[in-house]
């Protein structure tokens, strides 16, 4: 008994230290949210078109990146399309002149504390002019010789397989040939004989006659059995694959991505070149090397394939080689079995010999490797890998998403949105960062940050936590605006009209990224996406979905076998916990997965899935019996559930939705949930282009809410919410495509008698600002505080700022210096063609009167300046005080402490896009602009190229109505 006080003292100290750690963590997150650290900020692809570089311009561009809050760039040299006759050719990639330009870029980045990366080729895939035939990509080639029953000879001349010298357009391939007509590099693989005109059901009928073949004389010395035979001679030689879009002086073959020696050679070459300008990478701004997406299209072979195939599958590949050219030669089930094994072999070879090897090499120099290593893969590209494993093999997984360019496969999967897959890989392999090649598009100069934001918010809800803008095109000084740009991507560069005003957008992206990087993803369900190769996750809630208000994580076979159970819940090596596991329906299942299922069931895990027909390696009685056992409802150690859905089972387990609101099945709000140190972060986005107000229940217990606004960096405590044993309910109002964090943490709750618990008006636009609640629309609202009801008559006082405006132009494109606008209208409605087609910035000025009687001003009353509509982005100054930049709805600012009685001066500088001027030049024959882009996509006509003469004009300027709104806090 005497020891109890000491025990309590220790427990008290431990509990106190946890509180201190939790508070420190909270303070650090809040500080980083207000002012995001460098590592959370966006970076850009820095396109160097044709390798043509202006070193003075490099310095201007990197400084401009720094000034708007971009933390770094990946130098990406690339060529241009054949139709582009504007962009000159520069020096070869990694030549001395090219290296000097890279050095200048790296030095400038270091000066500003920025980070740089370098793409490992001129365009993609990995390769270059230095790649010799031994290390270049390889294919398998075949010749076929028929032997009929009437021939008795034993010596048979086998022709050399045809290796293409020209492509389908008649141009020479990248393959090098000797004078004898044979390729410089080739190796014999095998010679096999198949019975003619017979579908093979048993490979015993196939004869491997390689040992009877003399490659020197190209003669098969074989005692031919009775019957008709087809003899196949297989060789490997270089494929026709070359760099996809290199600069004109940098063409070359791609490497053999399945050969570790080729990977080593390629990295050694690039790194040795870089070391001539960067002796110590650890003291450089160069932090990473980038491997772009793998998009080779031809048949694949590598010399080590037969050995690795046998090690993995315990049978030889040779008797199946004819199947690579004609699968109909084999019985379908036999063909399917081999094709599965062949793909898995390629996957392991590529992951181990390319991606893991690349990581090993770069890490040895203190660098990191990042890549779209899983894609964009199947079904868009022929990437023969299991993507989650491939992404997990590198340091920084990267995916991509596009805007206004949907591309769906037959299953309705958006194949140009590789976000959920990459985030899952990063989570389960504990890589922390989820990079996204972001905002890619063919919608040249149609969009601005307000148009990009909804796509970025969706990507955040699928797991993105690091933005890589696609991209920033380098702009040599002697090219007219808007200049030559890469053929895809949002042109997030210095010559885009609105680029200097993007700092608030970059801050917004940085704040969301920071929170999602520093916390851990949370979901209720674990989804095993099967064992096939290639495979794909699909975008969120596509290939698999739990139901409204629930989220899920995706795992593969490798991570599946590492699962554990804790208190009957599934646990990943990362520590993430899940309520149940869902198995992708498959005809066959990996035996290691079956054995793991047995182990998990024994420990009480909840698993749902269809019963497979067989295992994915050779069947044996033990595994057949195991399948029957695991799907037997009478199995006392647990069984796999087949008659329930994940949603149904969660409800049966009394696990309420993580997020719910009236009509949540219509997905008005999307969300993602992250946790750390007892704090929960819900990122909520409005999926609609109009205000949405809902009373949202968050599955949180004994925690109080806060609102963290990523646009401003401000944090507030709402004073309208209700707590019960299962959830916290909060009225949530979000503007068109708005997004915000709701944060829950331990803390002292307000006394029940002093807390407003609900607001009964469903369409109320509730706004928490500076820890006070405002309702942004007129109406009579009923508030509940404890057991009492209060009626609140909310009124918004509005004063329009109407009448004439002065509009000033900067003296370019022959525009007038100033015009008087009787009312606010789009520039495109002007009768003056110089204004109608104007692209650039223009400044609105107006003096207006406002009467303020401070004697009647209520405590907490706020005055907001609402600009109404504008296109595309504007900076606002009132009475010589900068209010900031209006870049997304709602375009309004708090002017309570700035507006004054009498005269007030309002100045608004608005920037649009290049589209209108390009259209105007195309229609009128004007010569104000020049670009290598002669057509574009426009919203609503995805994948349709529209010439500039037909591109609709985009509304531009300040459109209004501009008003002053005075609002009182809810009391």
Foldseek 3Di string as FASTA:
>chain_A
DVCVVVVVVVVVVVVVVLVVVLVVVVVVLLVCLQPPDLVLFAEFAAEEELLDDDLVLLLVFLVLCLLLRHQEYEDAAFYADPLFPPDDHDAACLDPVSLVSVLSNFVSSVVSNHAYEYELAQADAHDWAPQDFQFFFKAKFKFKDKDFQVDQAQKDATDDGDADQADPVRHGFQFDPDPVRHTPDKAWDFKKKAAPPAAAADLVRIGTQRVQADVVRNIRRGRDDGHMIMMMTMMMGHHRAWRDTGNPNITHGHGHLLALVSQVVSVVVVVVSNCVSVVAVVPISHAEYEREFDFDADHGDDVCLQVLLCVVFVDGDVSCVVCVVPVRSYDVVVSVLSVQSSLASSQVSNLVRHALSNQVVQVVRNHFYEYCQLPLDPPVGPRSHARLSSQLSGQEYEAEAEAQFFDADPLRFRSRQQQLSQQLSCQQSVNLAYEYQYHKFLFEFFDDLQRRLLVLLLSVLSGHQYYYFHHAYRADPVAFPPAADHNIGHHLTPSWQCNSFCSLVSLLSSSSSSVSSVWHFAFAEEEEQAAGTHGGDGTFPRPHDQAFQTGYHYDYPVQLLVWDADPQWIATPSGHTHQAYEYHADQAAALSNLVSLLVSLLVNHAYAYDQHNYYSGDDDPVSVVSSVQQCDPPNPSGHHDHPDGNNRVCVVVVNDRQKDWVPSRVCQKRWTWTDDSQKIKIKIWGSAQAKFKTWMWGQDAQWAKKKQASSNSDIEGEQEWDDDHGTIIDIDIAGGGGIIIIMIHHDDDDDQQRGFHDKPDRPWRWDQDPHFIFTDDFDWIWIDRRPDIDIDGWDKDKDWPFAKKKKADPPAQPDDGIDIDRGFFFLLPDPPLSSNLDAHKMKIKDKDFDADDPVPDDPPKWKKKFLADFAAKKWKDKQNRTQGIQGHPRRMGTCRPPDDGTIMMIMMMWGHGNLSNQLSCVQVVDDNGDYSDQWGDDNPRHPDTHGSVPDDDDGHGRRDRIMMIITHTDD
